[in-house]
Amino acid sequence: MSGLEKELRKISRTLNDLAKRLDRFATKAAGRTKAVARAAKKPARKAQSRKSGPELIMALIKAKKSGVDTATLRAKTGFGGQRVRSIVWELSKKGQIKRVDRGLYKIAK
């Protein structure tokens, strides 16, 4: 048993030494990544102007001359059904779009 105990203690010391080396390496690597991250920062970009809901839906309707249904508008914009319906209602009240068929809209001329 004493031979087995000696081997186990030797393995334990080796593992402890490896753990210490790994910790030192990790702290050095962490310091490098912070420095590299600071040096590699890209200049700030200007914020892109995003279209509002009605502008986005108008652009989609203008792209199709035959008209666009509300299911397509929901799929392409990612808006929910209620939001698409209220935007379409708003645009139709303003006279910018007209209803061709049930759920189908196109640009008013």
PDB file of N, CA and C in Angstrom:
ATOM      1  N   MET A   1       0.793  -1.193   0.000  1.00  0.00           N
ATOM      2  CA  MET A   1       0.000   0.000   0.000  1.00  0.00           C
ATOM      3  C   MET A   1       0.839   1.262   0.000  1.00  0.00           C
ATOM      4  N   SER A   2       2.001   1.201   0.580  1.00  0.00           N
ATOM      5  CA  SER A   2       2.826   2.398   0.659  1.00  0.00           C
ATOM      6  C   SER A   2       3.289   2.836  -0.728  1.00  0.00           C
ATOM      7  N   GLY A   3       3.516   1.869  -1.629  1.00  0.00           N
ATOM      8  CA  GLY A   3       3.917   2.219  -2.995  1.00  0.00           C
ATOM      9  C   GLY A   3       2.790   2.934  -3.721  1.00  0.00           C
ATOM     10  N   LEU A   4       1.561   2.479  -3.504  1.00  0.00           N
ATOM     11  CA  LEU A   4       0.389   3.098  -4.106  1.00  0.00           C
ATOM     12  C   LEU A   4       0.177   4.505  -3.555  1.00  0.00           C
ATOM     13  N   GLU A   5       0.363   4.674  -2.255  1.00  0.00           N
ATOM     14  CA  GLU A   5       0.222   5.993  -1.638  1.00  0.00           C
ATOM     15  C   GLU A   5       1.238   6.967  -2.202  1.00  0.00           C
ATOM     16  N   LYS A   6       2.471   6.524  -2.406  1.00  0.00           N
ATOM     17  CA  LYS A   6       3.517   7.387  -2.956  1.00  0.00           C
ATOM     18  C   LYS A   6       3.150   7.833  -4.372  1.00  0.00           C
ATOM     19  N   GLU A   7       2.632   6.903  -5.174  1.00  0.00           N
ATOM     20  CA  GLU A   7       2.245   7.234  -6.540  1.00  0.00           C
ATOM     21  C   GLU A   7       1.089   8.243  -6.551  1.00  0.00           C
ATOM     22  N   LEU A   8       0.125   8.032  -5.679  1.00  0.00           N
ATOM     23  CA  LEU A   8      -1.013   8.952  -5.602  1.00  0.00           C
ATOM     24  C   LEU A   8      -0.588  10.348  -5.155  1.00  0.00           C
ATOM     25  N   ARG A   9       0.313  10.444  -4.199  1.00  0.00           N
ATOM     26  CA  ARG A   9       0.816  11.750  -3.754  1.00  0.00           C
ATOM     27  C   ARG A   9       1.582  12.448  -4.868  1.00  0.00           C
ATOM     28  N   LYS A  10       2.354  11.667  -5.615  1.00  0.00           N
ATOM     29  CA  LYS A  10       3.114  12.227  -6.732  1.00  0.00           C
ATOM     30  C   LYS A  10       2.168  12.776  -7.803  1.00  0.00           C
ATOM     31  N   ILE A  11       1.122  12.023  -8.104  1.00  0.00           N
ATOM     32  CA  ILE A  11       0.124  12.474  -9.083  1.00  0.00           C
ATOM     33  C   ILE A  11      -0.586  13.722  -8.567  1.00  0.00           C
ATOM     34  N   SER A  12      -0.888  13.744  -7.278  1.00  0.00           N
ATOM     35  CA  SER A  12      -1.567  14.890  -6.677  1.00  0.00           C
ATOM     36  C   SER A  12      -0.705  16.151  -6.789  1.00  0.00           C
ATOM     37  N   ARG A  13       0.586  16.038  -6.493  1.00  0.00           N
ATOM     38  CA  ARG A  13       1.494  17.189  -6.610  1.00  0.00           C
ATOM     39  C   ARG A  13       1.570  17.672  -8.062  1.00  0.00           C
ATOM     40  N   THR A  14       1.649  16.714  -8.977  1.00  0.00           N
ATOM     41  CA  THR A  14       1.733  17.076 -10.394  1.00  0.00           C
ATOM     42  C   THR A  14       0.476  17.829 -10.827  1.00  0.00           C
ATOM     43  N   LEU A  15      -0.671  17.349 -10.397  1.00  0.00           N
ATOM     44  CA  LEU A  15      -1.922  18.035 -10.727  1.00  0.00           C
ATOM     45  C   LEU A  15      -1.981  19.430 -10.115  1.00  0.00           C
ATOM     46  N   ASN A  16      -1.515  19.576  -8.891  1.00  0.00           N
ATOM     47  CA  ASN A  16      -1.490  20.891  -8.254  1.00  0.00           C
ATOM     48  C   ASN A  16      -0.569  21.844  -9.012  1.00  0.00           C
ATOM     49  N   ASP A  17       0.591  21.367  -9.434  1.00  0.00           N
ATOM     50  CA  ASP A  17       1.516  22.192 -10.211  1.00  0.00           C
ATOM     51  C   ASP A  17       0.889  22.616 -11.539  1.00  0.00           C
ATOM     52  N   LEU A  18       0.219  21.680 -12.199  1.00  0.00           N
ATOM     53  CA  LEU A  18      -0.447  22.003 -13.466  1.00  0.00           C
ATOM     54  C   LEU A  18      -1.562  23.023 -13.262  1.00  0.00           C
ATOM     55  N   ALA A  19      -2.302  22.900 -12.175  1.00  0.00           N
ATOM     56  CA  ALA A  19      -3.377  23.848 -11.888  1.00  0.00           C
ATOM     57  C   ALA A  19      -2.822  25.252 -11.663  1.00  0.00           C
ATOM     58  N   LYS A  20      -1.693  25.349 -10.940  1.00  0.00           N
ATOM     59  CA  LYS A  20      -1.067  26.656 -10.709  1.00  0.00           C
ATOM     60  C   LYS A  20      -0.592  27.270 -12.014  1.00  0.00           C
ATOM     61  N   ARG A  21       0.038  26.450 -12.862  1.00  0.00           N
ATOM     62  CA  ARG A  21       0.506  26.953 -14.158  1.00  0.00           C
ATOM     63  C   ARG A  21      -0.664  27.424 -15.014  1.00  0.00           C
ATOM     64  N   LEU A  22      -1.724  26.658 -15.001  1.00  0.00           N
ATOM     65  CA  LEU A  22      -2.904  27.027 -15.773  1.00  0.00           C
ATOM     66  C   LEU A  22      -3.487  28.347 -15.278  1.00  0.00           C
ATOM     67  N   ASP A  23      -3.536  28.552 -13.976  1.00  0.00           N
ATOM     68  CA  ASP A  23      -4.030  29.812 -13.417  1.00  0.00           C
ATOM     69  C   ASP A  23      -3.166  30.987 -13.851  1.00  0.00           C
ATOM     70  N   ARG A  24      -1.849  30.812 -13.788  1.00  0.00           N
ATOM     71  CA  ARG A  24      -0.951  31.885 -14.223  1.00  0.00           C
ATOM     72  C   ARG A  24      -1.139  32.196 -15.704  1.00  0.00           C
ATOM     73  N   PHE A  25      -1.257  31.154 -16.496  1.00  0.00           N
ATOM     74  CA  PHE A  25      -1.447  31.343 -17.936  1.00  0.00           C
ATOM     75  C   PHE A  25      -2.763  32.054 -18.226  1.00  0.00           C
ATOM     76  N   ALA A  26      -3.812  31.669 -17.507  1.00  0.00           N
ATOM     77  CA  ALA A  26      -5.127  32.278 -17.713  1.00  0.00           C
ATOM     78  C   ALA A  26      -5.116  33.761 -17.359  1.00  0.00           C
ATOM     79  N   THR A  27      -4.442  34.127 -16.268  1.00  0.00           N
ATOM     80  CA  THR A  27      -4.403  35.543 -15.897  1.00  0.00           C
ATOM     81  C   THR A  27      -3.594  36.351 -16.906  1.00  0.00           C
ATOM     82  N   LYS A  28      -2.506  35.772 -17.424  1.00  0.00           N
ATOM     83  CA  LYS A  28      -1.739  36.465 -18.456  1.00  0.00           C
ATOM     84  C   LYS A  28      -2.571  36.634 -19.717  1.00  0.00           C
ATOM     85  N   ALA A  29      -3.287  35.593 -20.111  1.00  0.00           N
ATOM     86  CA  ALA A  29      -4.105  35.636 -21.319  1.00  0.00           C
ATOM     87  C   ALA A  29      -5.240  36.642 -21.166  1.00  0.00           C
ATOM     88  N   ALA A  30      -5.827  36.718 -19.984  1.00  0.00           N
ATOM     89  CA  ALA A  30      -6.911  37.670 -19.749  1.00  0.00           C
ATOM     90  C   ALA A  30      -6.395  39.097 -19.873  1.00  0.00           C
ATOM     91  N   GLY A  31      -5.216  39.362 -19.377  1.00  0.00           N
ATOM     92  CA  GLY A  31      -4.625  40.692 -19.504  1.00  0.00           C
ATOM     93  C   GLY A  31      -4.365  41.047 -20.955  1.00  0.00           C
ATOM     94  N   ARG A  32      -3.925  40.067 -21.729  1.00  0.00           N
ATOM     95  CA  ARG A  32      -3.677  40.307 -23.153  1.00  0.00           C
ATOM     96  C   ARG A  32      -4.961  40.564 -23.908  1.00  0.00           C
ATOM     97  N   THR A  33      -6.005  39.813 -23.623  1.00  0.00           N
ATOM     98  CA  THR A  33      -7.249  39.995 -24.366  1.00  0.00           C
ATOM     99  C   THR A  33      -7.853  41.362 -24.102  1.00  0.00           C
ATOM    100  N   LYS A  34      -7.721  41.868 -22.880  1.00  0.00           N
ATOM    101  CA  LYS A  34      -8.245  43.202 -22.602  1.00  0.00           C
ATOM    102  C   LYS A  34      -7.473  44.251 -23.390  1.00  0.00           C
ATOM    103  N   ALA A  35      -6.150  44.098 -23.439  1.00  0.00           N
ATOM    104  CA  ALA A  35      -5.333  45.047 -24.183  1.00  0.00           C
ATOM    105  C   ALA A  35      -5.629  44.951 -25.669  1.00  0.00           C
ATOM    106  N   VAL A  36      -5.785  43.742 -26.164  1.00  0.00           N
ATOM    107  CA  VAL A  36      -6.087  43.558 -27.588  1.00  0.00           C
ATOM    108  C   VAL A  36      -7.462  44.111 -27.900  1.00  0.00           C
ATOM    109  N   ALA A  37      -8.410  43.893 -27.011  1.00  0.00           N
ATOM    110  CA  ALA A  37      -9.764  44.399 -27.229  1.00  0.00           C
ATOM    111  C   ALA A  37      -9.776  45.919 -27.265  1.00  0.00           C
ATOM    112  N   ARG A  38      -9.002  46.546 -26.389  1.00  0.00           N
ATOM    113  CA  ARG A  38      -8.940  48.009 -26.396  1.00  0.00           C
ATOM    114  C   ARG A  38      -8.296  48.522 -27.668  1.00  0.00           C
ATOM    115  N   ALA A  39      -7.242  47.850 -28.123  1.00  0.00           N
ATOM    116  CA  ALA A  39      -6.539  48.291 -29.319  1.00  0.00           C
ATOM    117  C   ALA A  39      -7.356  48.032 -30.576  1.00  0.00           C
ATOM    118  N   ALA A  40      -8.173  46.996 -30.560  1.00  0.00           N
ATOM    119  CA  ALA A  40      -8.911  46.612 -31.759  1.00  0.00           C
ATOM    120  C   ALA A  40     -10.279  47.260 -31.867  1.00  0.00           C
ATOM    121  N   LYS A  41     -10.589  48.181 -30.978  1.00  0.00           N
ATOM    122  CA  LYS A  41     -11.896  48.827 -31.035  1.00  0.00           C
ATOM    123  C   LYS A  41     -12.060  49.570 -32.345  1.00  0.00           C
ATOM    124  N   LYS A  42     -13.219  49.380 -32.946  1.00  0.00           N
ATOM    125  CA  LYS A  42     -13.516  50.074 -34.194  1.00  0.00           C
ATOM    126  C   LYS A  42     -14.115  51.432 -33.857  1.00  0.00           C
ATOM    127  N   PRO A  43     -13.958  52.385 -34.748  1.00  0.00           N
ATOM    128  CA  PRO A  43     -14.573  53.686 -34.499  1.00  0.00           C
ATOM    129  C   PRO A  43     -16.100  53.554 -34.482  1.00  0.00           C
ATOM    130  N   ALA A  44     -16.740  54.371 -33.706  1.00  0.00           N
ATOM    131  CA  ALA A  44     -18.189  54.310 -33.569  1.00  0.00           C
ATOM    132  C   ALA A  44     -18.859  54.665 -34.890  1.00  0.00           C
ATOM    133  N   ARG A  45     -19.853  53.869 -35.245  1.00  0.00           N
ATOM    134  CA  ARG A  45     -20.604  54.148 -36.467  1.00  0.00           C
ATOM    135  C   ARG A  45     -21.805  55.020 -36.143  1.00  0.00           C
ATOM    136  N   LYS A  46     -22.223  55.764 -37.123  1.00  0.00           N
ATOM    137  CA  LYS A  46     -23.420  56.563 -36.937  1.00  0.00           C
ATOM    138  C   LYS A  46     -24.629  55.636 -36.950  1.00  0.00           C
ATOM    139  N   ALA A  47     -25.600  55.964 -36.159  1.00  0.00           N
ATOM    140  CA  ALA A  47     -26.805  55.152 -36.097  1.00  0.00           C
ATOM    141  C   ALA A  47     -27.569  55.264 -37.402  1.00  0.00           C
ATOM    142  N   GLN A  48     -27.989  54.128 -37.911  1.00  0.00           N
ATOM    143  CA  GLN A  48     -28.763  54.137 -39.147  1.00  0.00           C
ATOM    144  C   GLN A  48     -30.172  54.592 -38.831  1.00  0.00           C
ATOM    145  N   SER A  49     -30.734  55.362 -39.735  1.00  0.00           N
ATOM    146  CA  SER A  49     -32.099  55.803 -39.520  1.00  0.00           C
ATOM    147  C   SER A  49     -33.034  54.655 -39.894  1.00  0.00           C
ATOM    148  N   ARG A  50     -33.871  54.295 -38.961  1.00  0.00           N
ATOM    149  CA  ARG A  50     -34.803  53.205 -39.196  1.00  0.00           C
ATOM    150  C   ARG A  50     -36.122  53.770 -39.656  1.00  0.00           C
ATOM    151  N   LYS A  51     -36.782  53.027 -40.538  1.00  0.00           N
ATOM    152  CA  LYS A  51     -38.082  53.460 -41.019  1.00  0.00           C
ATOM    153  C   LYS A  51     -39.133  53.176 -39.955  1.00  0.00           C
ATOM    154  N   SER A  52     -40.121  54.035 -39.899  1.00  0.00           N
ATOM    155  CA  SER A  52     -41.228  53.801 -38.983  1.00  0.00           C
ATOM    156  C   SER A  52     -42.135  52.730 -39.572  1.00  0.00           C
ATOM    157  N   GLY A  53     -43.080  52.273 -38.798  1.00  0.00           N
ATOM    158  CA  GLY A  53     -44.001  51.235 -39.255  1.00  0.00           C
ATOM    159  C   GLY A  53     -44.743  51.604 -40.526  1.00  0.00           C
ATOM    160  N   PRO A  54     -45.408  52.768 -40.560  1.00  0.00           N
ATOM    161  CA  PRO A  54     -46.120  53.148 -41.788  1.00  0.00           C
ATOM    162  C   PRO A  54     -45.195  53.310 -42.994  1.00  0.00           C
ATOM    163  N   GLU A  55     -43.991  53.834 -42.786  1.00  0.00           N
ATOM    164  CA  GLU A  55     -43.054  53.977 -43.909  1.00  0.00           C
ATOM    165  C   GLU A  55     -42.647  52.622 -44.457  1.00  0.00           C
ATOM    166  N   LEU A  56     -42.427  51.681 -43.569  1.00  0.00           N
ATOM    167  CA  LEU A  56     -42.017  50.346 -43.971  1.00  0.00           C
ATOM    168  C   LEU A  56     -43.128  49.638 -44.740  1.00  0.00           C
ATOM    169  N   ILE A  57     -44.344  49.749 -44.256  1.00  0.00           N
ATOM    170  CA  ILE A  57     -45.473  49.109 -44.929  1.00  0.00           C
ATOM    171  C   ILE A  57     -45.759  49.786 -46.261  1.00  0.00           C
ATOM    172  N   MET A  58     -45.624  51.102 -46.316  1.00  0.00           N
ATOM    173  CA  MET A  58     -45.806  51.811 -47.599  1.00  0.00           C
ATOM    174  C   MET A  58     -44.783  51.343 -48.625  1.00  0.00           C
ATOM    175  N   ALA A  59     -43.542  51.154 -48.201  1.00  0.00           N
ATOM    176  CA  ALA A  59     -42.502  50.703 -49.121  1.00  0.00           C
ATOM    177  C   ALA A  59     -42.814  49.305 -49.646  1.00  0.00           C
ATOM    178  N   LEU A  60     -43.320  48.432 -48.792  1.00  0.00           N
ATOM    179  CA  LEU A  60     -43.667  47.080 -49.237  1.00  0.00           C
ATOM    180  C   LEU A  60     -44.841  47.090 -50.199  1.00  0.00           C
ATOM    181  N   ILE A  61     -45.825  47.943 -49.938  1.00  0.00           N
ATOM    182  CA  ILE A  61     -46.991  48.016 -50.820  1.00  0.00           C
ATOM    183  C   ILE A  61     -46.606  48.635 -52.162  1.00  0.00           C
ATOM    184  N   LYS A  62     -45.727  49.635 -52.147  1.00  0.00           N
ATOM    185  CA  LYS A  62     -45.273  50.259 -53.395  1.00  0.00           C
ATOM    186  C   LYS A  62     -44.495  49.284 -54.269  1.00  0.00           C
ATOM    187  N   ALA A  63     -43.802  48.352 -53.640  1.00  0.00           N
ATOM    188  CA  ALA A  63     -42.984  47.403 -54.397  1.00  0.00           C
ATOM    189  C   ALA A  63     -43.839  46.447 -55.232  1.00  0.00           C
ATOM    190  N   LYS A  64     -45.064  46.182 -54.834  1.00  0.00           N
ATOM    191  CA  LYS A  64     -45.954  45.268 -55.562  1.00  0.00           C
ATOM    192  C   LYS A  64     -47.076  46.065 -56.206  1.00  0.00           C
ATOM    193  N   LYS A  65     -47.144  46.068 -57.513  1.00  0.00           N
ATOM    194  CA  LYS A  65     -48.179  46.840 -58.200  1.00  0.00           C
ATOM    195  C   LYS A  65     -49.554  46.218 -58.062  1.00  0.00           C
ATOM    196  N   SER A  66     -49.608  44.896 -57.947  1.00  0.00           N
ATOM    197  CA  SER A  66     -50.903  44.212 -57.843  1.00  0.00           C
ATOM    198  C   SER A  66     -51.483  44.283 -56.438  1.00  0.00           C
ATOM    199  N   GLY A  67     -50.670  44.663 -55.467  1.00  0.00           N
ATOM    200  CA  GLY A  67     -51.125  44.784 -54.096  1.00  0.00           C
ATOM    201  C   GLY A  67     -50.486  43.748 -53.192  1.00  0.00           C
ATOM    202  N   VAL A  68     -50.636  43.973 -51.905  1.00  0.00           N
ATOM    203  CA  VAL A  68     -50.038  43.089 -50.906  1.00  0.00           C
ATOM    204  C   VAL A  68     -51.097  42.752 -49.869  1.00  0.00           C
ATOM    205  N   ASP A  69     -51.134  41.481 -49.446  1.00  0.00           N
ATOM    206  CA  ASP A  69     -52.086  41.097 -48.409  1.00  0.00           C
ATOM    207  C   ASP A  69     -51.459  41.279 -47.025  1.00  0.00           C
ATOM    208  N   THR A  70     -52.307  41.270 -46.032  1.00  0.00           N
ATOM    209  CA  THR A  70     -51.838  41.544 -44.677  1.00  0.00           C
ATOM    210  C   THR A  70     -50.933  40.433 -44.146  1.00  0.00           C
ATOM    211  N   ALA A  71     -51.142  39.192 -44.594  1.00  0.00           N
ATOM    212  CA  ALA A  71     -50.281  38.095 -44.137  1.00  0.00           C
ATOM    213  C   ALA A  71     -48.846  38.315 -44.610  1.00  0.00           C
ATOM    214  N   THR A  72     -48.689  38.794 -45.841  1.00  0.00           N
ATOM    215  CA  THR A  72     -47.354  39.088 -46.364  1.00  0.00           C
ATOM    216  C   THR A  72     -46.726  40.245 -45.604  1.00  0.00           C
ATOM    217  N   LEU A  73     -47.518  41.261 -45.288  1.00  0.00           N
ATOM    218  CA  LEU A  73     -47.005  42.400 -44.523  1.00  0.00           C
ATOM    219  C   LEU A  73     -46.526  41.960 -43.140  1.00  0.00           C
ATOM    220  N   ARG A  74     -47.288  41.072 -42.492  1.00  0.00           N
ATOM    221  CA  ARG A  74     -46.870  40.566 -41.185  1.00  0.00           C
ATOM    222  C   ARG A  74     -45.572  39.781 -41.302  1.00  0.00           C
ATOM    223  N   ALA A  75     -45.454  38.956 -42.340  1.00  0.00           N
ATOM    224  CA  ALA A  75     -44.264  38.116 -42.495  1.00  0.00           C
ATOM    225  C   ALA A  75     -43.021  38.950 -42.801  1.00  0.00           C
ATOM    226  N   LYS A  76     -43.149  39.947 -43.659  1.00  0.00           N
ATOM    227  CA  LYS A  76     -41.983  40.728 -44.072  1.00  0.00           C
ATOM    228  C   LYS A  76     -41.556  41.773 -43.052  1.00  0.00           C
ATOM    229  N   THR A  77     -42.500  42.269 -42.265  1.00  0.00           N
ATOM    230  CA  THR A  77     -42.140  43.297 -41.288  1.00  0.00           C
ATOM    231  C   THR A  77     -41.849  42.721 -39.916  1.00  0.00           C
ATOM    232  N   GLY A  78     -42.440  41.583 -39.617  1.00  0.00           N
ATOM    233  CA  GLY A  78     -42.272  41.010 -38.285  1.00  0.00           C
ATOM    234  C   GLY A  78     -43.235  41.608 -37.273  1.00  0.00           C
ATOM    235  N   PHE A  79     -44.136  42.458 -37.719  1.00  0.00           N
ATOM    236  CA  PHE A  79     -45.132  43.056 -36.842  1.00  0.00           C
ATOM    237  C   PHE A  79     -46.234  42.043 -36.562  1.00  0.00           C
ATOM    238  N   GLY A  80     -46.946  42.255 -35.478  1.00  0.00           N
ATOM    239  CA  GLY A  80     -48.090  41.412 -35.156  1.00  0.00           C
ATOM    240  C   GLY A  80     -49.295  41.830 -35.981  1.00  0.00           C
ATOM    241  N   GLY A  81     -50.323  41.005 -35.931  1.00  0.00           N
ATOM    242  CA  GLY A  81     -51.522  41.269 -36.728  1.00  0.00           C
ATOM    243  C   GLY A  81     -52.191  42.586 -36.384  1.00  0.00           C
ATOM    244  N   GLN A  82     -52.305  42.879 -35.086  1.00  0.00           N
ATOM    245  CA  GLN A  82     -52.971  44.113 -34.668  1.00  0.00           C
ATOM    246  C   GLN A  82     -52.205  45.343 -35.133  1.00  0.00           C
ATOM    247  N   ARG A  83     -50.893  45.294 -35.070  1.00  0.00           N
ATOM    248  CA  ARG A  83     -50.100  46.453 -35.483  1.00  0.00           C
ATOM    249  C   ARG A  83     -50.228  46.685 -36.985  1.00  0.00           C
ATOM    250  N   VAL A  84     -50.199  45.604 -37.771  1.00  0.00           N
ATOM    251  CA  VAL A  84     -50.359  45.741 -39.226  1.00  0.00           C
ATOM    252  C   VAL A  84     -51.740  46.305 -39.543  1.00  0.00           C
ATOM    253  N   ARG A  85     -52.777  45.777 -38.886  1.00  0.00           N
ATOM    254  CA  ARG A  85     -54.132  46.278 -39.143  1.00  0.00           C
ATOM    255  C   ARG A  85     -54.265  47.752 -38.819  1.00  0.00           C
ATOM    256  N   SER A  86     -53.692  48.189 -37.706  1.00  0.00           N
ATOM    257  CA  SER A  86     -53.835  49.600 -37.338  1.00  0.00           C
ATOM    258  C   SER A  86     -53.042  50.507 -38.275  1.00  0.00           C
ATOM    259  N   ILE A  87     -51.880  50.058 -38.731  1.00  0.00           N
ATOM    260  CA  ILE A  87     -51.098  50.870 -39.676  1.00  0.00           C
ATOM    261  C   ILE A  87     -51.816  50.953 -41.014  1.00  0.00           C
ATOM    262  N   VAL A  88     -52.356  49.823 -41.479  1.00  0.00           N
ATOM    263  CA  VAL A  88     -53.095  49.810 -42.749  1.00  0.00           C
ATOM    264  C   VAL A  88     -54.324  50.709 -42.640  1.00  0.00           C
ATOM    265  N   TRP A  89     -55.013  50.639 -41.507  1.00  0.00           N
ATOM    266  CA  TRP A  89     -56.188  51.489 -41.307  1.00  0.00           C
ATOM    267  C   TRP A  89     -55.789  52.966 -41.352  1.00  0.00           C
ATOM    268  N   GLU A  90     -54.689  53.293 -40.678  1.00  0.00           N
ATOM    269  CA  GLU A  90     -54.208  54.675 -40.652  1.00  0.00           C
ATOM    270  C   GLU A  90     -53.859  55.171 -42.055  1.00  0.00           C
ATOM    271  N   LEU A  91     -53.158  54.334 -42.820  1.00  0.00           N
ATOM    272  CA  LEU A  91     -52.764  54.727 -44.173  1.00  0.00           C
ATOM    273  C   LEU A  91     -53.974  54.844 -45.100  1.00  0.00           C
ATOM    274  N   SER A  92     -54.972  53.998 -44.910  1.00  0.00           N
ATOM    275  CA  SER A  92     -56.162  54.087 -45.760  1.00  0.00           C
ATOM    276  C   SER A  92     -56.984  55.323 -45.411  1.00  0.00           C
ATOM    277  N   LYS A  93     -57.027  55.698 -44.142  1.00  0.00           N
ATOM    278  CA  LYS A  93     -57.750  56.913 -43.746  1.00  0.00           C
ATOM    279  C   LYS A  93     -57.068  58.163 -44.298  1.00  0.00           C
ATOM    280  N   LYS A  94     -55.744  58.117 -44.412  1.00  0.00           N
ATOM    281  CA  LYS A  94     -55.010  59.244 -44.980  1.00  0.00           C
ATOM    282  C   LYS A  94     -55.121  59.287 -46.498  1.00  0.00           C
ATOM    283  N   GLY A  95     -55.610  58.201 -47.079  1.00  0.00           N
ATOM    284  CA  GLY A  95     -55.772  58.148 -48.531  1.00  0.00           C
ATOM    285  C   GLY A  95     -54.510  57.722 -49.266  1.00  0.00           C
ATOM    286  N   GLN A  96     -53.558  57.163 -48.574  1.00  0.00           N
ATOM    287  CA  GLN A  96     -52.309  56.753 -49.213  1.00  0.00           C
ATOM    288  C   GLN A  96     -52.405  55.366 -49.837  1.00  0.00           C
ATOM    289  N   ILE A  97     -53.249  54.512 -49.276  1.00  0.00           N
ATOM    290  CA  ILE A  97     -53.461  53.184 -49.850  1.00  0.00           C
ATOM    291  C   ILE A  97     -54.960  52.955 -49.983  1.00  0.00           C
ATOM    292  N   LYS A  98     -55.318  51.978 -50.815  1.00  0.00           N
ATOM    293  CA  LYS A  98     -56.731  51.637 -50.926  1.00  0.00           C
ATOM    294  C   LYS A  98     -56.897  50.128 -50.889  1.00  0.00           C
ATOM    295  N   ARG A  99     -58.080  49.716 -50.475  1.00  0.00           N
ATOM    296  CA  ARG A  99     -58.383  48.297 -50.363  1.00  0.00           C
ATOM    297  C   ARG A  99     -58.847  47.785 -51.715  1.00  0.00           C
ATOM    298  N   VAL A 100     -58.194  46.746 -52.212  1.00  0.00           N
ATOM    299  CA  VAL A 100     -58.553  46.141 -53.487  1.00  0.00           C
ATOM    300  C   VAL A 100     -59.524  44.994 -53.240  1.00  0.00           C
ATOM    301  N   ASP A 101     -59.235  44.192 -52.268  1.00  0.00           N
ATOM    302  CA  ASP A 101     -60.062  43.044 -51.904  1.00  0.00           C
ATOM    303  C   ASP A 101     -59.898  42.842 -50.394  1.00  0.00           C
ATOM    304  N   ARG A 102     -60.582  41.878 -49.872  1.00  0.00           N
ATOM    305  CA  ARG A 102     -60.478  41.648 -48.427  1.00  0.00           C
ATOM    306  C   ARG A 102     -59.035  41.274 -48.055  1.00  0.00           C
ATOM    307  N   GLY A 103     -58.373  42.136 -47.255  1.00  0.00           N
ATOM    308  CA  GLY A 103     -57.008  41.888 -46.818  1.00  0.00           C
ATOM    309  C   GLY A 103     -55.958  42.202 -47.865  1.00  0.00           C
ATOM    310  N   LEU A 104     -56.344  42.791 -48.996  1.00  0.00           N
ATOM    311  CA  LEU A 104     -55.406  43.094 -50.076  1.00  0.00           C
ATOM    312  C   LEU A 104     -55.408  44.597 -50.318  1.00  0.00           C
ATOM    313  N   TYR A 105     -54.219  45.203 -50.264  1.00  0.00           N
ATOM    314  CA  TYR A 105     -54.103  46.657 -50.372  1.00  0.00           C
ATOM    315  C   TYR A 105     -53.069  47.034 -51.413  1.00  0.00           C
ATOM    316  N   LYS A 106     -53.304  48.198 -52.059  1.00  0.00           N
ATOM    317  CA  LYS A 106     -52.306  48.750 -52.974  1.00  0.00           C
ATOM    318  C   LYS A 106     -52.306  50.260 -52.862  1.00  0.00           C
ATOM    319  N   ILE A 107     -51.337  50.870 -53.509  1.00  0.00           N
ATOM    320  CA  ILE A 107     -51.161  52.324 -53.440  1.00  0.00           C
ATOM    321  C   ILE A 107     -52.327  53.021 -54.123  1.00  0.00           C
ATOM    322  N   ALA A 108     -52.852  54.061 -53.465  1.00  0.00           N
ATOM    323  CA  ALA A 108     -53.919  54.867 -54.055  1.00  0.00           C
ATOM    324  C   ALA A 108     -53.313  55.846 -55.032  1.00  0.00           C
ATOM    325  N   LYS A 109     -53.920  55.956 -56.193  1.00  0.00           N
ATOM    326  CA  LYS A 109     -53.380  56.859 -57.223  1.00  0.00           C
ATOM    327  C   LYS A 109     -54.086  58.173 -57.245  1.00  0.00           C
TER     328      LYS A 109
END
